[in-house]
């Protein structure tokens, strides 16, 4: 994290990128265990934490500036621990995991692009000074 107000968006995006990276690892692990008897799929909580911190009650700039970055940490949980799709107790659906992985990768690359744009804006401002 960078400790200047000019980097507020970048700091929040950094946390979102960390969460996306964690989600990618979790989904990959789910896919790797698709045939493991008794394995329960895992997922990541992050978006609710982000919504709480940047809830759009003020201007987005104000919300991002006041966001508690320490509370923007992804947590992993077991999804539908009591539900199984198969007799062996495993609840991983390969099609769902593949779709979630693709969706997560699109989000990740979109956020990388946003960080790049933020740095370009800062670079542009510094050039004009």
N, C-alpha and C. Protein backbone atom coordinates (compact mmCIF):
# COMPACT_ATOMS: atom_id res chain seq x y z
N UNK A 1 0.83 -1.19 0.00
CA UNK A 1 0.00 0.00 0.00
C UNK A 1 0.87 1.24 0.00
N UNK A 2 0.38 2.24 -0.68
CA UNK A 2 1.10 3.49 -0.78
C UNK A 2 0.37 4.51 0.09
N UNK A 3 1.12 5.24 0.90
CA UNK A 3 0.51 6.09 1.92
C UNK A 3 0.23 7.52 1.52
N UNK A 4 -0.26 7.77 0.36
CA UNK A 4 -0.62 9.12 -0.06
C UNK A 4 -2.05 9.10 -0.59
N UNK A 5 -2.76 10.21 -0.39
CA UNK A 5 -4.13 10.29 -0.86
C UNK A 5 -4.26 10.14 -2.36
N UNK A 6 -3.19 10.45 -3.08
CA UNK A 6 -3.21 10.33 -4.54
C UNK A 6 -3.33 8.88 -4.97
N UNK A 7 -3.04 7.97 -4.07
CA UNK A 7 -3.03 6.55 -4.40
C UNK A 7 -4.23 5.78 -3.81
N UNK A 8 -5.25 6.49 -3.37
CA UNK A 8 -6.40 5.82 -2.74
C UNK A 8 -7.01 4.74 -3.62
N UNK A 9 -7.28 5.07 -4.86
CA UNK A 9 -7.88 4.10 -5.78
C UNK A 9 -6.94 2.93 -6.01
N UNK A 10 -5.67 3.23 -6.16
CA UNK A 10 -4.69 2.17 -6.40
C UNK A 10 -4.62 1.23 -5.20
N UNK A 11 -4.69 1.78 -3.99
CA UNK A 11 -4.65 0.94 -2.80
C UNK A 11 -5.87 0.02 -2.72
N UNK A 12 -7.04 0.54 -3.04
CA UNK A 12 -8.25 -0.29 -3.04
C UNK A 12 -8.17 -1.34 -4.14
N UNK A 13 -7.72 -0.93 -5.31
CA UNK A 13 -7.56 -1.89 -6.41
C UNK A 13 -6.53 -2.96 -6.06
N UNK A 14 -5.49 -2.59 -5.33
CA UNK A 14 -4.49 -3.56 -4.89
C UNK A 14 -5.12 -4.63 -4.01
N UNK A 15 -5.99 -4.21 -3.12
CA UNK A 15 -6.69 -5.18 -2.26
C UNK A 15 -7.61 -6.08 -3.09
N UNK A 16 -8.28 -5.48 -4.06
CA UNK A 16 -9.16 -6.27 -4.93
C UNK A 16 -8.36 -7.25 -5.78
N UNK A 17 -7.19 -6.83 -6.23
CA UNK A 17 -6.32 -7.74 -6.98
C UNK A 17 -5.85 -8.90 -6.11
N UNK A 18 -5.50 -8.61 -4.87
CA UNK A 18 -5.12 -9.68 -3.93
C UNK A 18 -6.25 -10.68 -3.77
N UNK A 19 -7.47 -10.17 -3.62
CA UNK A 19 -8.63 -11.05 -3.46
C UNK A 19 -8.85 -11.90 -4.71
N UNK A 20 -8.69 -11.28 -5.86
CA UNK A 20 -8.86 -12.01 -7.12
C UNK A 20 -7.79 -13.09 -7.26
N UNK A 21 -6.57 -12.78 -6.88
CA UNK A 21 -5.49 -13.77 -6.93
C UNK A 21 -5.79 -14.94 -6.00
N UNK A 22 -6.28 -14.62 -4.81
CA UNK A 22 -6.67 -15.67 -3.86
C UNK A 22 -7.79 -16.52 -4.44
N UNK A 23 -8.79 -15.86 -5.04
CA UNK A 23 -9.90 -16.60 -5.64
C UNK A 23 -9.41 -17.51 -6.76
N UNK A 24 -8.47 -17.06 -7.56
CA UNK A 24 -7.91 -17.88 -8.62
C UNK A 24 -7.27 -19.15 -8.05
N UNK A 25 -6.52 -18.99 -6.98
CA UNK A 25 -5.88 -20.15 -6.32
C UNK A 25 -6.91 -21.11 -5.75
N UNK A 26 -7.95 -20.57 -5.15
CA UNK A 26 -9.00 -21.40 -4.56
C UNK A 26 -9.74 -22.17 -5.64
N UNK A 27 -10.09 -21.50 -6.72
CA UNK A 27 -10.80 -22.17 -7.82
C UNK A 27 -9.91 -23.24 -8.45
N UNK A 28 -8.64 -22.93 -8.63
CA UNK A 28 -7.71 -23.93 -9.18
C UNK A 28 -7.62 -25.15 -8.27
N UNK A 29 -7.63 -24.92 -6.98
CA UNK A 29 -7.62 -26.03 -6.02
C UNK A 29 -8.92 -26.85 -6.12
N UNK A 30 -10.04 -26.16 -6.28
CA UNK A 30 -11.31 -26.87 -6.46
C UNK A 30 -11.25 -27.78 -7.69
N UNK A 31 -10.73 -27.23 -8.78
CA UNK A 31 -10.64 -28.01 -10.02
C UNK A 31 -9.71 -29.20 -9.84
N UNK A 32 -8.60 -28.97 -9.14
CA UNK A 32 -7.64 -30.06 -8.91
C UNK A 32 -8.25 -31.18 -8.07
N UNK A 33 -9.24 -30.84 -7.26
CA UNK A 33 -9.85 -31.84 -6.37
C UNK A 33 -11.23 -32.29 -6.84
N UNK A 34 -11.52 -32.11 -8.10
CA UNK A 34 -12.84 -32.47 -8.63
C UNK A 34 -13.15 -33.95 -8.42
N UNK A 35 -12.14 -34.81 -8.39
CA UNK A 35 -12.36 -36.24 -8.23
C UNK A 35 -11.99 -36.75 -6.84
N UNK A 36 -11.74 -35.86 -5.90
CA UNK A 36 -11.37 -36.26 -4.54
C UNK A 36 -12.63 -36.53 -3.73
N UNK A 37 -12.83 -37.77 -3.28
CA UNK A 37 -14.03 -38.07 -2.48
C UNK A 37 -14.09 -37.22 -1.21
N UNK A 38 -15.26 -36.68 -0.94
CA UNK A 38 -15.48 -35.90 0.26
C UNK A 38 -15.01 -34.46 0.20
N UNK A 39 -14.37 -34.05 -0.90
CA UNK A 39 -13.87 -32.68 -1.00
C UNK A 39 -15.04 -31.73 -1.15
N UNK A 40 -14.99 -30.63 -0.42
CA UNK A 40 -16.01 -29.57 -0.52
C UNK A 40 -15.36 -28.34 -1.13
N UNK A 41 -16.04 -27.77 -2.10
CA UNK A 41 -15.49 -26.60 -2.80
C UNK A 41 -15.32 -25.43 -1.84
N UNK A 42 -14.35 -24.62 -2.14
CA UNK A 42 -14.09 -23.41 -1.37
C UNK A 42 -14.37 -22.21 -2.25
N UNK A 43 -14.60 -21.09 -1.59
CA UNK A 43 -14.79 -19.84 -2.31
C UNK A 43 -14.21 -18.71 -1.46
N UNK A 44 -14.28 -17.50 -1.98
CA UNK A 44 -13.66 -16.35 -1.33
C UNK A 44 -14.71 -15.26 -1.10
N UNK A 45 -14.73 -14.72 0.12
CA UNK A 45 -15.53 -13.53 0.43
C UNK A 45 -14.66 -12.31 0.23
N UNK A 46 -15.10 -11.37 -0.55
CA UNK A 46 -14.41 -10.10 -0.64
C UNK A 46 -15.37 -8.97 -1.04
N UNK A 47 -16.21 -9.22 -2.00
CA UNK A 47 -17.06 -8.17 -2.55
C UNK A 47 -17.94 -7.53 -1.48
N UNK A 48 -18.45 -8.33 -0.52
CA UNK A 48 -19.26 -7.76 0.56
C UNK A 48 -18.44 -6.81 1.42
N UNK A 49 -17.18 -7.17 1.68
CA UNK A 49 -16.30 -6.29 2.46
C UNK A 49 -16.06 -4.99 1.70
N UNK A 50 -15.85 -5.10 0.40
CA UNK A 50 -15.64 -3.91 -0.43
C UNK A 50 -16.88 -3.03 -0.45
N UNK A 51 -18.04 -3.65 -0.59
CA UNK A 51 -19.30 -2.91 -0.61
C UNK A 51 -19.52 -2.18 0.72
N UNK A 52 -19.11 -2.79 1.82
CA UNK A 52 -19.24 -2.16 3.13
C UNK A 52 -18.34 -0.93 3.24
N UNK A 53 -17.12 -1.05 2.73
CA UNK A 53 -16.17 0.06 2.82
C UNK A 53 -16.44 1.16 1.81
N UNK A 54 -16.90 0.81 0.64
CA UNK A 54 -17.15 1.78 -0.42
C UNK A 54 -18.62 1.67 -0.79
N UNK A 55 -19.48 2.08 0.14
CA UNK A 55 -20.90 1.86 0.00
C UNK A 55 -21.66 2.91 -0.77
N UNK A 56 -20.97 3.87 -1.32
CA UNK A 56 -21.60 4.92 -2.12
C UNK A 56 -22.60 5.75 -1.33
N UNK A 57 -22.31 5.99 -0.05
CA UNK A 57 -23.17 6.89 0.71
C UNK A 57 -22.72 8.34 0.54
N UNK A 58 -21.46 8.51 0.16
CA UNK A 58 -20.91 9.84 -0.14
C UNK A 58 -20.43 9.78 -1.60
N UNK A 59 -19.58 10.70 -1.92
CA UNK A 59 -18.97 10.61 -3.25
C UNK A 59 -18.00 9.44 -3.25
N UNK A 60 -17.78 8.86 -4.41
CA UNK A 60 -16.88 7.71 -4.51
C UNK A 60 -15.48 8.08 -4.03
N UNK A 61 -15.03 9.29 -4.37
CA UNK A 61 -13.71 9.74 -3.91
C UNK A 61 -13.62 9.74 -2.39
N UNK A 62 -14.66 10.25 -1.72
CA UNK A 62 -14.67 10.28 -0.27
C UNK A 62 -14.71 8.87 0.31
N UNK A 63 -15.51 8.01 -0.30
CA UNK A 63 -15.62 6.63 0.19
C UNK A 63 -14.28 5.90 0.07
N UNK A 64 -13.63 6.06 -1.05
CA UNK A 64 -12.35 5.39 -1.26
C UNK A 64 -11.30 5.96 -0.31
N UNK A 65 -11.32 7.28 -0.11
CA UNK A 65 -10.35 7.92 0.78
C UNK A 65 -10.50 7.45 2.23
N UNK A 66 -11.72 7.19 2.67
CA UNK A 66 -11.93 6.79 4.05
C UNK A 66 -11.95 5.27 4.25
N UNK A 67 -11.80 4.52 3.20
CA UNK A 67 -11.85 3.05 3.29
C UNK A 67 -10.77 2.53 4.23
N UNK A 68 -11.18 1.60 5.10
CA UNK A 68 -10.25 0.93 6.01
C UNK A 68 -9.64 -0.24 5.24
N UNK A 69 -8.44 -0.06 4.75
CA UNK A 69 -7.80 -1.07 3.90
C UNK A 69 -7.55 -2.37 4.65
N UNK A 70 -7.40 -2.30 5.97
CA UNK A 70 -7.17 -3.52 6.75
C UNK A 70 -8.40 -4.44 6.75
N UNK A 71 -9.58 -3.86 6.58
CA UNK A 71 -10.79 -4.69 6.55
C UNK A 71 -11.07 -5.25 5.16
N UNK A 72 -10.30 -4.81 4.18
CA UNK A 72 -10.46 -5.31 2.82
C UNK A 72 -9.52 -6.49 2.57
N UNK A 73 -9.78 -7.55 3.28
CA UNK A 73 -8.97 -8.76 3.16
C UNK A 73 -9.89 -9.91 2.79
N UNK A 74 -9.52 -10.62 1.76
CA UNK A 74 -10.33 -11.76 1.30
C UNK A 74 -10.26 -12.89 2.32
N UNK A 75 -11.39 -13.52 2.54
CA UNK A 75 -11.43 -14.69 3.42
C UNK A 75 -11.95 -15.88 2.63
N UNK A 76 -11.37 -17.02 2.89
CA UNK A 76 -11.77 -18.25 2.21
C UNK A 76 -12.75 -19.01 3.09
N UNK A 77 -13.77 -19.58 2.47
CA UNK A 77 -14.76 -20.36 3.22
C UNK A 77 -15.15 -21.59 2.40
N UNK A 78 -15.70 -22.57 3.10
CA UNK A 78 -16.19 -23.78 2.45
C UNK A 78 -17.62 -23.52 2.00
N UNK A 79 -17.87 -23.70 0.73
CA UNK A 79 -19.17 -23.41 0.14
C UNK A 79 -20.05 -24.65 0.15
N UNK A 80 -21.23 -24.53 0.68
CA UNK A 80 -22.21 -25.62 0.71
C UNK A 80 -21.60 -26.89 1.31
N UNK A 81 -21.06 -26.75 2.49
CA UNK A 81 -20.35 -27.87 3.13
C UNK A 81 -21.24 -29.08 3.35
N UNK A 82 -22.55 -28.88 3.47
CA UNK A 82 -23.45 -30.00 3.73
C UNK A 82 -24.13 -30.54 2.48
N UNK A 83 -23.79 -29.98 1.32
CA UNK A 83 -24.42 -30.39 0.07
C UNK A 83 -23.40 -31.13 -0.78
N UNK A 84 -23.84 -32.23 -1.36
CA UNK A 84 -22.97 -32.98 -2.27
C UNK A 84 -23.75 -33.30 -3.53
N UNK A 85 -23.08 -33.22 -4.66
CA UNK A 85 -23.70 -33.54 -5.93
C UNK A 85 -23.53 -35.02 -6.27
N UNK A 86 -22.62 -35.65 -5.57
CA UNK A 86 -22.29 -37.03 -5.90
C UNK A 86 -22.34 -37.89 -4.64
N UNK A 87 -22.39 -39.16 -4.85
CA UNK A 87 -22.45 -40.12 -3.75
C UNK A 87 -21.18 -40.07 -2.90
N UNK A 88 -20.03 -39.75 -3.52
CA UNK A 88 -18.76 -39.75 -2.78
C UNK A 88 -18.59 -38.51 -1.88
N UNK A 89 -19.58 -37.60 -1.83
CA UNK A 89 -19.53 -36.45 -0.95
C UNK A 89 -18.88 -35.22 -1.53
N UNK A 90 -18.34 -35.30 -2.72
CA UNK A 90 -17.70 -34.15 -3.37
C UNK A 90 -18.78 -33.24 -3.94
N UNK A 91 -18.59 -31.92 -3.80
CA UNK A 91 -19.60 -30.99 -4.34
C UNK A 91 -19.02 -30.02 -5.37
N UNK A 92 -17.94 -30.42 -6.04
CA UNK A 92 -17.32 -29.58 -7.07
C UNK A 92 -17.93 -29.91 -8.43
N UNK A 93 -18.41 -28.88 -9.12
CA UNK A 93 -18.93 -29.02 -10.47
C UNK A 93 -17.92 -28.37 -11.41
N UNK A 94 -17.29 -29.16 -12.26
CA UNK A 94 -16.20 -28.66 -13.11
C UNK A 94 -16.65 -27.54 -14.04
N UNK A 95 -17.87 -27.60 -14.53
CA UNK A 95 -18.36 -26.55 -15.43
C UNK A 95 -18.50 -25.22 -14.69
N UNK A 96 -19.04 -25.28 -13.48
CA UNK A 96 -19.18 -24.07 -12.66
C UNK A 96 -17.82 -23.48 -12.33
N UNK A 97 -16.89 -24.35 -11.94
CA UNK A 97 -15.55 -23.88 -11.58
C UNK A 97 -14.84 -23.26 -12.79
N UNK A 98 -14.98 -23.86 -13.94
CA UNK A 98 -14.36 -23.32 -15.15
C UNK A 98 -14.93 -21.95 -15.50
N UNK A 99 -16.23 -21.80 -15.37
CA UNK A 99 -16.87 -20.51 -15.64
C UNK A 99 -16.43 -19.47 -14.61
N UNK A 100 -16.35 -19.85 -13.35
CA UNK A 100 -15.91 -18.92 -12.30
C UNK A 100 -14.45 -18.51 -12.51
N UNK A 101 -13.63 -19.44 -12.95
CA UNK A 101 -12.22 -19.14 -13.22
C UNK A 101 -12.11 -18.13 -14.36
N UNK A 102 -12.86 -18.33 -15.43
CA UNK A 102 -12.84 -17.39 -16.55
C UNK A 102 -13.34 -16.01 -16.11
N UNK A 103 -14.41 -15.97 -15.35
CA UNK A 103 -14.96 -14.71 -14.85
C UNK A 103 -13.93 -13.99 -13.98
N UNK A 104 -13.27 -14.74 -13.11
CA UNK A 104 -12.28 -14.14 -12.22
C UNK A 104 -11.09 -13.60 -13.00
N UNK A 105 -10.67 -14.31 -14.03
CA UNK A 105 -9.54 -13.84 -14.82
C UNK A 105 -9.88 -12.55 -15.56
N UNK A 106 -11.10 -12.44 -16.04
CA UNK A 106 -11.53 -11.20 -16.70
C UNK A 106 -11.51 -10.05 -15.71
N UNK A 107 -12.02 -10.28 -14.50
CA UNK A 107 -12.00 -9.24 -13.46
C UNK A 107 -10.56 -8.83 -13.14
N UNK A 108 -9.69 -9.82 -13.00
CA UNK A 108 -8.30 -9.55 -12.65
C UNK A 108 -7.63 -8.66 -13.69
N UNK A 109 -7.76 -9.02 -14.95
CA UNK A 109 -7.13 -8.24 -16.01
C UNK A 109 -7.76 -6.86 -16.16
N UNK A 110 -9.04 -6.74 -15.86
CA UNK A 110 -9.70 -5.44 -15.88
C UNK A 110 -9.14 -4.55 -14.77
N UNK A 111 -8.92 -5.13 -13.59
CA UNK A 111 -8.36 -4.35 -12.49
C UNK A 111 -6.92 -3.96 -12.76
N UNK A 112 -6.15 -4.85 -13.37
CA UNK A 112 -4.77 -4.52 -13.75
C UNK A 112 -4.78 -3.32 -14.70
N UNK A 113 -5.70 -3.32 -15.65
CA UNK A 113 -5.83 -2.20 -16.58
C UNK A 113 -6.20 -0.92 -15.84
N UNK A 114 -7.08 -1.02 -14.85
CA UNK A 114 -7.46 0.16 -14.06
C UNK A 114 -6.28 0.72 -13.29
N UNK A 115 -5.47 -0.15 -12.69
CA UNK A 115 -4.27 0.31 -11.97
C UNK A 115 -3.33 1.01 -12.95
N UNK A 116 -3.15 0.42 -14.10
CA UNK A 116 -2.29 1.02 -15.12
C UNK A 116 -2.79 2.41 -15.52
N UNK A 117 -4.10 2.55 -15.67
CA UNK A 117 -4.68 3.84 -16.03
C UNK A 117 -4.47 4.87 -14.91
N UNK A 118 -4.60 4.43 -13.65
CA UNK A 118 -4.37 5.34 -12.53
C UNK A 118 -2.94 5.85 -12.53
N UNK A 119 -1.98 4.94 -12.75
CA UNK A 119 -0.59 5.36 -12.81
C UNK A 119 -0.34 6.28 -14.01
N UNK A 120 -1.00 6.03 -15.12
CA UNK A 120 -0.86 6.91 -16.29
C UNK A 120 -1.38 8.31 -15.98
N UNK A 121 -2.48 8.39 -15.25
CA UNK A 121 -3.01 9.70 -14.85
C UNK A 121 -2.02 10.45 -13.96
N UNK A 122 -1.45 9.72 -12.99
CA UNK A 122 -0.49 10.34 -12.11
C UNK A 122 0.75 10.79 -12.87
N UNK A 123 1.19 9.97 -13.79
CA UNK A 123 2.36 10.32 -14.62
C UNK A 123 2.07 11.56 -15.44
N UNK A 124 0.87 11.63 -15.98
CA UNK A 124 0.47 12.79 -16.79
C UNK A 124 0.47 14.06 -15.95
N UNK A 125 -0.03 13.99 -14.74
CA UNK A 125 -0.05 15.14 -13.85
C UNK A 125 1.37 15.57 -13.51
N UNK A 126 2.23 14.62 -13.25
CA UNK A 126 3.61 14.94 -12.89
C UNK A 126 4.38 15.57 -14.06
N UNK A 127 4.04 15.17 -15.27
CA UNK A 127 4.71 15.74 -16.44
C UNK A 127 4.35 17.20 -16.65
N UNK A 128 3.11 17.57 -16.30
CA UNK A 128 2.65 18.93 -16.54
C UNK A 128 3.15 19.89 -15.46
N UNK A 129 3.70 19.39 -14.41
CA UNK A 129 4.15 20.25 -13.31
C UNK A 129 5.54 20.72 -13.46
